[in-house]
Amino acid sequence: PSQVLPFPSQVVYNRVGKCGSRTVVLLLRILSEKHGFNLVTSDIHNKTRLTKNEQMELIKNISTAEQPYLFTRHVHFLNFSRFGGDQPVYINIIRDPVNRFLSNYFFRRFGDWRGEQNHMIRTPSMRQEERYLDINECILENYPECSNPRLFYIIPYFCGQHPRCREPGEWALERAKLNVNENFLLVGILEELEDVLLLLERFLPHYFKGVLSIYKDPEHRKLGNMTVTVRKTVPSPEAVQILYQRMRYEYEFYHYVKEQFHLLKRKFGLKSQVSQPPLRPQFFIPSPLETEEPIGDEEQDDEKWLEDIYKR
């Protein structure tokens, strides 16, 4: 008899860089073996924006994967139905935009605890003056890395592949909100990751059943702590306020998603801590991460690392 597929049997996690996705991918590797779904990853880690032909090719490749599948890659939202494909269910996770930016800024320069212990140099091609560029100087002197459009990072993952999705403004913001409502089963908040995992387990049991117990396992916790970005420093209050101004659309989107997430939590009986946003971001929430435009060899290294730990 033919296999009865779970619903949904096509899931896409177009993961946002530096928003905890290394943790989630690690969990998915374990869960795919446990539950027998097809975890489809990509060898391309540093290309989020695609030409029309590249979109068609990627959608074709994803659509023909053995179901039930969960496809994951750093890529801006893809409209499958535009190219005649079945639209999959999307999931994603975002975090406080300034936190995400700072984590990326220092990760690109200094990596995480694993690299620190092994004396690895992150981004070897980076010039020394750029590596040790003070974060306040970068922000206050308006260096490209600390300005728009580079700071307009989260919204394009939800807005999509249209060129206007990369322009900071209302058009991209509203289109991103619309896609969240119409195409995403869940967009979680990294600061409340355990509740995100609980809801994923509730909504997608074939993929995520038992995820929270795996996440809370002390061995897994130990691994997650190794991927926390090192050598972070907190910018001055003046620099943080400038970042807030430059990232106002990112914050409007973040607060919209957070509000929707809290509504969903209440609907399923999960309590939310309702508090006013802090005047300054809470910088040191441990969260395992990728680079802004992830560096090509990063996940291959992760594969080996995971095999060493889970298959010994």
C-alpha atoms as a PDB file:
ATOM      1  CA  PRO A   1       0.000   0.000   0.000  1.00  0.00           C
ATOM      2  CA  SER A   2       1.140   3.561  -0.698  1.00  0.00           C
ATOM      3  CA  GLN A   3       2.360   5.588   2.246  1.00  0.00           C
ATOM      4  CA  VAL A   4      -0.200   7.936   3.805  1.00  0.00           C
ATOM      5  CA  LEU A   5       1.591  11.274   4.005  1.00  0.00           C
ATOM      6  CA  PRO A   6       1.179  13.522   7.036  1.00  0.00           C
ATOM      7  CA  PHE A   7      -0.271  16.963   6.488  1.00  0.00           C
ATOM      8  CA  PRO A   8       1.559  19.138   5.739  1.00  0.00           C
ATOM      9  CA  SER A   9       4.132  16.999   3.959  1.00  0.00           C
ATOM     10  CA  GLN A  10       6.075  19.953   2.445  1.00  0.00           C
ATOM     11  CA  VAL A  11       7.737  22.329   4.929  1.00  0.00           C
ATOM     12  CA  VAL A  12      10.288  25.064   4.225  1.00  0.00           C
ATOM     13  CA  TYR A  13      12.434  26.698   6.918  1.00  0.00           C
ATOM     14  CA  ASN A  14      14.081  29.619   5.069  1.00  0.00           C
ATOM     15  CA  ARG A  15      16.185  30.348   8.100  1.00  0.00           C
ATOM     16  CA  VAL A  16      17.241  33.902   8.965  1.00  0.00           C
ATOM     17  CA  GLY A  17      20.966  34.247   9.716  1.00  0.00           C
ATOM     18  CA  LYS A  18      21.961  34.672  13.359  1.00  0.00           C
ATOM     19  CA  CYS A  19      18.507  33.791  14.704  1.00  0.00           C
ATOM     20  CA  GLY A  20      19.212  30.476  16.383  1.00  0.00           C
ATOM     21  CA  SER A  21      18.934  28.335  13.285  1.00  0.00           C
ATOM     22  CA  ARG A  22      22.089  26.358  13.987  1.00  0.00           C
ATOM     23  CA  THR A  23      20.356  25.065  17.113  1.00  0.00           C
ATOM     24  CA  VAL A  24      17.185  24.224  15.168  1.00  0.00           C
ATOM     25  CA  VAL A  25      19.079  22.501  12.330  1.00  0.00           C
ATOM     26  CA  LEU A  26      20.984  20.432  14.883  1.00  0.00           C
ATOM     27  CA  LEU A  27      17.637  19.391  16.381  1.00  0.00           C
ATOM     28  CA  LEU A  28      16.206  18.639  12.920  1.00  0.00           C
ATOM     29  CA  ARG A  29      19.071  16.264  12.117  1.00  0.00           C
ATOM     30  CA  ILE A  30      18.228  14.258  15.231  1.00  0.00           C
ATOM     31  CA  LEU A  31      14.459  14.461  14.615  1.00  0.00           C
ATOM     32  CA  SER A  32      14.695  13.409  10.947  1.00  0.00           C
ATOM     33  CA  GLU A  33      16.413  10.165  11.976  1.00  0.00           C
ATOM     34  CA  LYS A  34      13.934   9.625  14.791  1.00  0.00           C
ATOM     35  CA  HIS A  35      10.734  10.296  12.782  1.00  0.00           C
ATOM     36  CA  GLY A  36      11.836   9.331   9.274  1.00  0.00           C
ATOM     37  CA  PHE A  37      11.132  12.540   7.385  1.00  0.00           C
ATOM     38  CA  ASN A  38      13.362  13.795   4.584  1.00  0.00           C
ATOM     39  CA  LEU A  39      15.579  16.663   5.802  1.00  0.00           C
ATOM     40  CA  VAL A  40      16.756  18.486   2.673  1.00  0.00           C
ATOM     41  CA  THR A  41      19.645  20.914   3.083  1.00  0.00           C
ATOM     42  CA  SER A  42      21.630  22.882   0.528  1.00  0.00           C
ATOM     43  CA  ASP A  43      25.322  23.158  -0.347  1.00  0.00           C
ATOM     44  CA  ILE A  44      24.764  26.871  -1.072  1.00  0.00           C
ATOM     45  CA  HIS A  45      25.059  28.858   2.135  1.00  0.00           C
ATOM     46  CA  ASN A  46      25.757  32.417   0.991  1.00  0.00           C
ATOM     47  CA  LYS A  47      23.114  33.270  -1.610  1.00  0.00           C
ATOM     48  CA  THR A  48      19.749  34.534  -0.374  1.00  0.00           C
ATOM     49  CA  ARG A  49      18.706  36.532  -3.463  1.00  0.00           C
ATOM     50  CA  LEU A  50      18.005  34.600  -6.637  1.00  0.00           C
ATOM     51  CA  THR A  51      17.426  35.374 -10.306  1.00  0.00           C
ATOM     52  CA  LYS A  52      14.157  34.220 -11.859  1.00  0.00           C
ATOM     53  CA  ASN A  53      15.878  31.157 -13.359  1.00  0.00           C
ATOM     54  CA  GLU A  54      17.537  30.318 -10.045  1.00  0.00           C
ATOM     55  CA  GLN A  55      14.162  30.559  -8.312  1.00  0.00           C
ATOM     56  CA  MET A  56      12.570  28.212 -10.863  1.00  0.00           C
ATOM     57  CA  GLU A  57      15.423  25.711 -10.528  1.00  0.00           C
ATOM     58  CA  LEU A  58      15.388  25.720  -6.724  1.00  0.00           C
ATOM     59  CA  ILE A  59      11.593  25.424  -6.531  1.00  0.00           C
ATOM     60  CA  LYS A  60      11.715  22.480  -8.968  1.00  0.00           C
ATOM     61  CA  ASN A  61      14.411  20.763  -6.878  1.00  0.00           C
ATOM     62  CA  ILE A  62      12.516  21.277  -3.626  1.00  0.00           C
ATOM     63  CA  SER A  63       9.161  20.228  -5.090  1.00  0.00           C
ATOM     64  CA  THR A  64      10.523  16.928  -6.394  1.00  0.00           C
ATOM     65  CA  ALA A  65      12.080  15.918  -3.049  1.00  0.00           C
ATOM     66  CA  GLU A  66      10.704  12.773  -1.435  1.00  0.00           C
ATOM     67  CA  GLN A  67       7.826  13.647   0.904  1.00  0.00           C
ATOM     68  CA  PRO A  68       7.388  14.302   3.755  1.00  0.00           C
ATOM     69  CA  TYR A  69      10.285  16.737   3.487  1.00  0.00           C
ATOM     70  CA  LEU A  70      11.578  19.712   5.404  1.00  0.00           C
ATOM     71  CA  PHE A  71      13.822  21.928   3.288  1.00  0.00           C
ATOM     72  CA  THR A  72      16.111  24.425   4.985  1.00  0.00           C
ATOM     73  CA  ARG A  73      18.422  27.103   3.618  1.00  0.00           C
ATOM     74  CA  HIS A  74      19.278  30.772   4.132  1.00  0.00           C
ATOM     75  CA  VAL A  75      17.105  32.159   1.337  1.00  0.00           C
ATOM     76  CA  HIS A  76      14.571  34.937   0.970  1.00  0.00           C
ATOM     77  CA  PHE A  77      10.932  33.852   0.659  1.00  0.00           C
ATOM     78  CA  LEU A  78      10.094  31.958  -2.547  1.00  0.00           C
ATOM     79  CA  ASN A  79       6.611  32.053  -4.101  1.00  0.00           C
ATOM     80  CA  PHE A  80       6.159  28.482  -5.355  1.00  0.00           C
ATOM     81  CA  SER A  81       2.694  29.122  -6.806  1.00  0.00           C
ATOM     82  CA  ARG A  82       4.105  31.853  -9.067  1.00  0.00           C
ATOM     83  CA  PHE A  83       6.042  29.106 -10.879  1.00  0.00           C
ATOM     84  CA  GLY A  84       3.219  26.572 -10.884  1.00  0.00           C
ATOM     85  CA  GLY A  85       4.343  24.633  -7.801  1.00  0.00           C
ATOM     86  CA  ASP A  86       2.431  23.656  -4.662  1.00  0.00           C
ATOM     87  CA  GLN A  87       3.062  26.274  -1.989  1.00  0.00           C
ATOM     88  CA  PRO A  88       4.705  24.578   1.016  1.00  0.00           C
ATOM     89  CA  VAL A  89       4.170  25.510   4.646  1.00  0.00           C
ATOM     90  CA  TYR A  90       6.823  27.971   5.856  1.00  0.00           C
ATOM     91  CA  ILE A  91       8.296  28.296   9.351  1.00  0.00           C
ATOM     92  CA  ASN A  92      10.941  30.693  10.673  1.00  0.00           C
ATOM     93  CA  ILE A  93      12.423  32.367  13.756  1.00  0.00           C
ATOM     94  CA  ILE A  94      13.554  35.980  14.216  1.00  0.00           C
ATOM     95  CA  ARG A  95      15.094  37.942  17.070  1.00  0.00           C
ATOM     96  CA  ASP A  96      15.597  41.496  18.319  1.00  0.00           C
ATOM     97  CA  PRO A  97      17.163  43.252  15.275  1.00  0.00           C
ATOM     98  CA  VAL A  98      19.954  45.074  17.141  1.00  0.00           C
ATOM     99  CA  ASN A  99      20.855  41.852  18.947  1.00  0.00           C
ATOM    100  CA  ARG A 100      20.982  40.009  15.631  1.00  0.00           C
ATOM    101  CA  PHE A 101      23.176  42.684  14.071  1.00  0.00           C
ATOM    102  CA  LEU A 102      25.620  42.761  17.009  1.00  0.00           C
ATOM    103  CA  SER A 103      25.859  38.982  17.141  1.00  0.00           C
ATOM    104  CA  ASN A 104      26.666  38.922  13.444  1.00  0.00           C
ATOM    105  CA  TYR A 105      29.158  41.796  13.719  1.00  0.00           C
ATOM    106  CA  PHE A 106      31.254  40.005  16.331  1.00  0.00           C
ATOM    107  CA  PHE A 107      30.753  36.497  14.933  1.00  0.00           C
ATOM    108  CA  ARG A 108      32.150  37.549  11.540  1.00  0.00           C
ATOM    109  CA  ARG A 109      35.247  38.793  13.344  1.00  0.00           C
ATOM    110  CA  PHE A 110      35.809  36.364  16.194  1.00  0.00           C
ATOM    111  CA  GLY A 111      33.540  33.324  15.720  1.00  0.00           C
ATOM    112  CA  ASP A 112      32.218  31.306  18.648  1.00  0.00           C
ATOM    113  CA  TRP A 113      33.580  29.285  21.568  1.00  0.00           C
ATOM    114  CA  ARG A 114      34.402  26.295  19.358  1.00  0.00           C
ATOM    115  CA  GLY A 115      36.637  28.440  17.180  1.00  0.00           C
ATOM    116  CA  GLU A 116      38.123  30.137  20.230  1.00  0.00           C
ATOM    117  CA  GLN A 117      39.103  26.799  21.782  1.00  0.00           C
ATOM    118  CA  ASN A 118      40.605  25.543  18.506  1.00  0.00           C
ATOM    119  CA  HIS A 119      42.347  28.899  17.771  1.00  0.00           C
ATOM    120  CA  MET A 120      40.428  29.183  14.488  1.00  0.00           C
ATOM    121  CA  ILE A 121      40.479  32.503  12.634  1.00  0.00           C
ATOM    122  CA  ARG A 122      37.021  33.579  11.522  1.00  0.00           C
ATOM    123  CA  THR A 123      36.763  35.149   8.026  1.00  0.00           C
ATOM    124  CA  PRO A 124      40.517  34.805   7.220  1.00  0.00           C
ATOM    125  CA  SER A 125      40.280  37.258   4.296  1.00  0.00           C
ATOM    126  CA  MET A 126      39.168  40.120   6.590  1.00  0.00           C
ATOM    127  CA  ARG A 127      41.770  42.879   6.977  1.00  0.00           C
ATOM    128  CA  GLN A 128      43.042  43.401  10.527  1.00  0.00           C
ATOM    129  CA  GLU A 129      41.849  47.026  10.692  1.00  0.00           C
ATOM    130  CA  GLU A 130      38.363  45.835   9.749  1.00  0.00           C
ATOM    131  CA  ARG A 131      38.448  42.911  12.209  1.00  0.00           C
ATOM    132  CA  TYR A 132      39.282  45.201  15.134  1.00  0.00           C
ATOM    133  CA  LEU A 133      37.070  48.106  14.027  1.00  0.00           C
ATOM    134  CA  ASP A 134      35.371  49.498  17.134  1.00  0.00           C
ATOM    135  CA  ILE A 135      31.608  48.951  16.971  1.00  0.00           C
ATOM    136  CA  ASN A 136      30.905  52.542  18.057  1.00  0.00           C
ATOM    137  CA  GLU A 137      33.114  53.961  15.309  1.00  0.00           C
ATOM    138  CA  CYS A 138      31.402  51.724  12.762  1.00  0.00           C
ATOM    139  CA  ILE A 139      27.960  53.009  13.798  1.00  0.00           C
ATOM    140  CA  LEU A 140      28.744  56.675  14.508  1.00  0.00           C
ATOM    141  CA  GLU A 141      30.929  57.116  11.409  1.00  0.00           C
ATOM    142  CA  ASN A 142      28.288  55.440   9.230  1.00  0.00           C
ATOM    143  CA  TYR A 143      30.452  52.611   7.851  1.00  0.00           C
ATOM    144  CA  PRO A 144      28.561  50.519   5.221  1.00  0.00           C
ATOM    145  CA  GLU A 145      28.418  47.472   7.532  1.00  0.00           C
ATOM    146  CA  CYS A 146      26.591  49.532  10.171  1.00  0.00           C
ATOM    147  CA  SER A 147      24.237  51.408   7.809  1.00  0.00           C
ATOM    148  CA  ASN A 148      21.378  50.738   5.430  1.00  0.00           C
ATOM    149  CA  PRO A 149      20.802  48.769   3.273  1.00  0.00           C
ATOM    150  CA  ARG A 150      23.037  46.294   5.168  1.00  0.00           C
ATOM    151  CA  LEU A 151      20.974  46.741   8.352  1.00  0.00           C
ATOM    152  CA  PHE A 152      17.770  45.948   6.454  1.00  0.00           C
ATOM    153  CA  TYR A 153      18.229  42.228   6.879  1.00  0.00           C
ATOM    154  CA  ILE A 154      15.276  40.372   8.437  1.00  0.00           C
ATOM    155  CA  ILE A 155      12.396  41.764   6.358  1.00  0.00           C
ATOM    156  CA  PRO A 156      13.657  40.475   2.945  1.00  0.00           C
ATOM    157  CA  TYR A 157      13.455  36.878   4.255  1.00  0.00           C
ATOM    158  CA  PHE A 158       9.680  37.374   4.473  1.00  0.00           C
ATOM    159  CA  CYS A 159       9.101  39.931   1.722  1.00  0.00           C
ATOM    160  CA  GLY A 160      10.634  37.753  -0.987  1.00  0.00           C
ATOM    161  CA  GLN A 161      12.711  38.004  -4.148  1.00  0.00           C
ATOM    162  CA  HIS A 162      11.307  41.249  -5.616  1.00  0.00           C
ATOM    163  CA  PRO A 163      14.069  43.914  -5.871  1.00  0.00           C
ATOM    164  CA  ARG A 164      11.962  46.301  -3.754  1.00  0.00           C
ATOM    165  CA  CYS A 165      12.128  43.764  -0.909  1.00  0.00           C
ATOM    166  CA  ARG A 166      15.715  44.875  -0.329  1.00  0.00           C
ATOM    167  CA  GLU A 167      14.853  48.592  -0.113  1.00  0.00           C
ATOM    168  CA  PRO A 168      14.151  49.793   3.460  1.00  0.00           C
ATOM    169  CA  GLY A 169      10.585  51.115   3.447  1.00  0.00           C
ATOM    170  CA  GLU A 170       6.854  50.581   3.883  1.00  0.00           C
ATOM    171  CA  TRP A 171       6.389  48.537   0.712  1.00  0.00           C
ATOM    172  CA  ALA A 172       8.761  45.758   1.793  1.00  0.00           C
ATOM    173  CA  LEU A 173       7.476  45.882   5.376  1.00  0.00           C
ATOM    174  CA  GLU A 174       3.821  45.463   4.379  1.00  0.00           C
ATOM    175  CA  ARG A 175       4.579  42.721   1.885  1.00  0.00           C
ATOM    176  CA  ALA A 176       6.572  40.858   4.558  1.00  0.00           C
ATOM    177  CA  LYS A 177       3.637  41.111   6.992  1.00  0.00           C
ATOM    178  CA  LEU A 178       1.253  39.849   4.307  1.00  0.00           C
ATOM    179  CA  ASN A 179       3.462  36.827   3.600  1.00  0.00           C
ATOM    180  CA  VAL A 180       3.721  36.045   7.315  1.00  0.00           C
ATOM    181  CA  ASN A 181      -0.088  35.968   7.492  1.00  0.00           C
ATOM    182  CA  GLU A 182      -0.651  34.005   4.291  1.00  0.00           C
ATOM    183  CA  ASN A 183       2.305  31.623   3.976  1.00  0.00           C
ATOM    184  CA  PHE A 184       3.927  31.049   7.365  1.00  0.00           C
ATOM    185  CA  LEU A 185       2.486  28.517   9.781  1.00  0.00           C
ATOM    186  CA  LEU A 186       4.670  29.952  12.536  1.00  0.00           C
ATOM    187  CA  VAL A 187       7.231  32.736  12.918  1.00  0.00           C
ATOM    188  CA  GLY A 188       8.724  32.430  16.374  1.00  0.00           C
ATOM    189  CA  ILE A 189      10.836  34.692  18.550  1.00  0.00           C
ATOM    190  CA  LEU A 190      14.296  33.460  19.527  1.00  0.00           C
ATOM    191  CA  GLU A 191      14.007  35.063  22.962  1.00  0.00           C
ATOM    192  CA  GLU A 192      11.178  32.568  23.642  1.00  0.00           C
ATOM    193  CA  LEU A 193      12.678  29.554  21.900  1.00  0.00           C
ATOM    194  CA  GLU A 194      11.209  26.900  24.212  1.00  0.00           C
ATOM    195  CA  ASP A 195       7.704  28.156  23.443  1.00  0.00           C
ATOM    196  CA  VAL A 196       8.549  28.182  19.712  1.00  0.00           C
ATOM    197  CA  LEU A 197       9.561  24.511  19.963  1.00  0.00           C
ATOM    198  CA  LEU A 198       6.404  23.693  21.947  1.00  0.00           C
ATOM    199  CA  LEU A 199       4.202  25.203  19.235  1.00  0.00           C
ATOM    200  CA  LEU A 200       6.153  23.489  16.447  1.00  0.00           C
ATOM    201  CA  GLU A 201       5.612  20.190  18.254  1.00  0.00           C
ATOM    202  CA  ARG A 202       1.894  20.974  18.465  1.00  0.00           C
ATOM    203  CA  PHE A 203       1.502  22.094  14.832  1.00  0.00           C
ATOM    204  CA  LEU A 204       3.939  19.718  13.093  1.00  0.00           C
ATOM    205  CA  PRO A 205       4.135  16.574  15.267  1.00  0.00           C
ATOM    206  CA  HIS A 206       5.417  14.387  12.421  1.00  0.00           C
ATOM    207  CA  TYR A 207       8.517  16.583  12.311  1.00  0.00           C
ATOM    208  CA  PHE A 208       8.895  17.991  15.814  1.00  0.00           C
ATOM    209  CA  LYS A 209       7.436  15.450  18.267  1.00  0.00           C
ATOM    210  CA  GLY A 210       9.746  15.230  21.283  1.00  0.00           C
ATOM    211  CA  VAL A 211      11.819  18.274  20.246  1.00  0.00           C
ATOM    212  CA  LEU A 212      11.617  19.991  23.621  1.00  0.00           C
ATOM    213  CA  SER A 213      12.966  17.001  25.554  1.00  0.00           C
ATOM    214  CA  ILE A 214      15.894  16.761  23.102  1.00  0.00           C
ATOM    215  CA  TYR A 215      16.531  20.509  23.402  1.00  0.00           C
ATOM    216  CA  LYS A 216      16.517  20.332  27.211  1.00  0.00           C
ATOM    217  CA  ASP A 217      18.876  17.337  27.316  1.00  0.00           C
ATOM    218  CA  PRO A 218      22.075  18.404  29.149  1.00  0.00           C
ATOM    219  CA  GLU A 219      24.301  17.074  26.335  1.00  0.00           C
ATOM    220  CA  HIS A 220      22.475  19.178  23.782  1.00  0.00           C
ATOM    221  CA  ARG A 221      22.646  22.245  26.050  1.00  0.00           C
ATOM    222  CA  LYS A 222      26.398  21.777  26.298  1.00  0.00           C
ATOM    223  CA  LEU A 223      26.684  21.774  22.495  1.00  0.00           C
ATOM    224  CA  GLY A 224      24.514  24.858  22.136  1.00  0.00           C
ATOM    225  CA  ASN A 225      26.706  26.803  24.543  1.00  0.00           C
ATOM    226  CA  MET A 226      29.729  26.139  22.315  1.00  0.00           C
ATOM    227  CA  THR A 227      28.156  28.137  19.487  1.00  0.00           C
ATOM    228  CA  VAL A 228      27.640  31.367  21.439  1.00  0.00           C
ATOM    229  CA  THR A 229      29.436  34.266  19.749  1.00  0.00           C
ATOM    230  CA  VAL A 230      32.535  35.468  21.618  1.00  0.00           C
ATOM    231  CA  ARG A 231      34.090  38.874  22.364  1.00  0.00           C
ATOM    232  CA  LYS A 232      30.827  40.808  22.155  1.00  0.00           C
ATOM    233  CA  THR A 233      30.865  44.338  23.506  1.00  0.00           C
ATOM    234  CA  VAL A 234      27.897  46.614  24.038  1.00  0.00           C
ATOM    235  CA  PRO A 235      27.782  49.851  21.996  1.00  0.00           C
ATOM    236  CA  SER A 236      27.306  53.197  23.701  1.00  0.00           C
ATOM    237  CA  PRO A 237      23.727  54.434  24.346  1.00  0.00           C
ATOM    238  CA  GLU A 238      24.190  57.004  21.570  1.00  0.00           C
ATOM    239  CA  ALA A 239      25.226  54.322  19.073  1.00  0.00           C
ATOM    240  CA  VAL A 240      22.314  52.059  20.090  1.00  0.00           C
ATOM    241  CA  GLN A 241      19.821  54.887  19.548  1.00  0.00           C
ATOM    242  CA  ILE A 242      21.250  55.462  16.056  1.00  0.00           C
ATOM    243  CA  LEU A 243      20.852  51.758  15.297  1.00  0.00           C
ATOM    244  CA  TYR A 244      17.230  51.901  16.472  1.00  0.00           C
ATOM    245  CA  GLN A 245      16.575  54.786  14.063  1.00  0.00           C
ATOM    246  CA  ARG A 246      18.268  53.059  11.140  1.00  0.00           C
ATOM    247  CA  MET A 247      16.383  49.827  11.863  1.00  0.00           C
ATOM    248  CA  ARG A 248      12.924  51.282  12.495  1.00  0.00           C
ATOM    249  CA  TYR A 249      11.274  49.133   9.802  1.00  0.00           C
ATOM    250  CA  GLU A 250      13.014  46.031  11.154  1.00  0.00           C
ATOM    251  CA  TYR A 251      11.656  46.867  14.621  1.00  0.00           C
ATOM    252  CA  GLU A 252       8.153  47.485  13.334  1.00  0.00           C
ATOM    253  CA  PHE A 253       8.247  44.034  11.734  1.00  0.00           C
ATOM    254  CA  TYR A 254       9.801  42.401  14.809  1.00  0.00           C
ATOM    255  CA  HIS A 255       7.126  43.831  17.126  1.00  0.00           C
ATOM    256  CA  TYR A 256       4.365  42.794  14.695  1.00  0.00           C
ATOM    257  CA  VAL A 257       5.670  39.201  14.604  1.00  0.00           C
ATOM    258  CA  LYS A 258       6.110  39.171  18.375  1.00  0.00           C
ATOM    259  CA  GLU A 259       2.508  40.318  18.877  1.00  0.00           C
ATOM    260  CA  GLN A 260       1.214  37.603  16.511  1.00  0.00           C
ATOM    261  CA  PHE A 261       3.345  35.007  18.286  1.00  0.00           C
ATOM    262  CA  HIS A 262       1.960  36.020  21.694  1.00  0.00           C
ATOM    263  CA  LEU A 263      -1.613  35.825  20.367  1.00  0.00           C
ATOM    264  CA  LEU A 264      -0.878  32.291  19.189  1.00  0.00           C
ATOM    265  CA  LYS A 265       0.640  31.354  22.540  1.00  0.00           C
ATOM    266  CA  ARG A 266      -2.431  32.596  24.401  1.00  0.00           C
ATOM    267  CA  LYS A 267      -4.699  30.662  22.047  1.00  0.00           C
ATOM    268  CA  PHE A 268      -2.884  27.461  23.024  1.00  0.00           C
ATOM    269  CA  GLY A 269      -2.684  28.260  26.730  1.00  0.00           C
ATOM    270  CA  LEU A 270       0.941  29.385  26.926  1.00  0.00           C
ATOM    271  CA  LYS A 271       1.566  32.450  29.073  1.00  0.00           C
ATOM    272  CA  SER A 272       3.654  35.347  27.811  1.00  0.00           C
ATOM    273  CA  GLN A 273       5.648  37.739  29.912  1.00  0.00           C
ATOM    274  CA  VAL A 274       4.133  41.065  28.859  1.00  0.00           C
ATOM    275  CA  SER A 275       6.626  43.848  29.434  1.00  0.00           C
ATOM    276  CA  GLN A 276       7.556  47.158  27.897  1.00  0.00           C
ATOM    277  CA  PRO A 277      10.437  46.948  25.401  1.00  0.00           C
ATOM    278  CA  PRO A 278      13.711  47.805  27.191  1.00  0.00           C
ATOM    279  CA  LEU A 279      15.376  51.121  26.460  1.00  0.00           C
ATOM    280  CA  ARG A 280      18.445  49.127  25.441  1.00  0.00           C
ATOM    281  CA  PRO A 281      18.468  45.613  23.953  1.00  0.00           C
ATOM    282  CA  GLN A 282      19.278  42.632  26.159  1.00  0.00           C
ATOM    283  CA  PHE A 283      22.476  41.682  24.384  1.00  0.00           C
ATOM    284  CA  PHE A 284      23.657  38.425  25.816  1.00  0.00           C
ATOM    285  CA  ILE A 285      20.858  35.947  25.214  1.00  0.00           C
ATOM    286  CA  PRO A 286      22.865  32.812  24.336  1.00  0.00           C
ATOM    287  CA  SER A 287      21.909  31.730  20.852  1.00  0.00           C
ATOM    288  CA  PRO A 288      23.763  29.627  18.342  1.00  0.00           C
ATOM    289  CA  LEU A 289      24.243  31.227  14.915  1.00  0.00           C
ATOM    290  CA  GLU A 290      25.234  31.785  11.402  1.00  0.00           C
ATOM    291  CA  THR A 291      26.892  34.712   9.697  1.00  0.00           C
ATOM    292  CA  GLU A 292      25.002  37.489   7.949  1.00  0.00           C
ATOM    293  CA  GLU A 293      25.609  36.059   4.500  1.00  0.00           C
ATOM    294  CA  PRO A 294      26.804  32.689   5.822  1.00  0.00           C
ATOM    295  CA  ILE A 295      30.331  31.718   4.913  1.00  0.00           C
ATOM    296  CA  GLY A 296      30.537  28.847   2.479  1.00  0.00           C
ATOM    297  CA  ASP A 297      32.371  26.192   4.474  1.00  0.00           C
ATOM    298  CA  GLU A 298      30.560  26.747   7.736  1.00  0.00           C
ATOM    299  CA  GLU A 299      27.940  24.021   7.616  1.00  0.00           C
ATOM    300  CA  GLN A 300      30.280  21.384   6.262  1.00  0.00           C
ATOM    301  CA  ASP A 301      32.321  21.933   9.434  1.00  0.00           C
ATOM    302  CA  ASP A 302      29.117  21.578  11.439  1.00  0.00           C
ATOM    303  CA  GLU A 303      28.311  18.249   9.779  1.00  0.00           C
ATOM    304  CA  LYS A 304      31.614  16.785  10.985  1.00  0.00           C
ATOM    305  CA  TRP A 305      31.169  18.291  14.422  1.00  0.00           C
ATOM    306  CA  LEU A 306      27.679  16.810  14.805  1.00  0.00           C
ATOM    307  CA  GLU A 307      28.783  13.384  13.547  1.00  0.00           C
ATOM    308  CA  ASP A 308      31.635  13.293  16.043  1.00  0.00           C
ATOM    309  CA  ILE A 309      29.275  13.976  18.923  1.00  0.00           C
ATOM    310  CA  TYR A 310      26.157  12.014  18.015  1.00  0.00           C
ATOM    311  CA  LYS A 311      27.671   8.978  16.358  1.00  0.00           C
ATOM    312  CA  ARG A 312      30.393   8.076  18.819  1.00  0.00           C
END
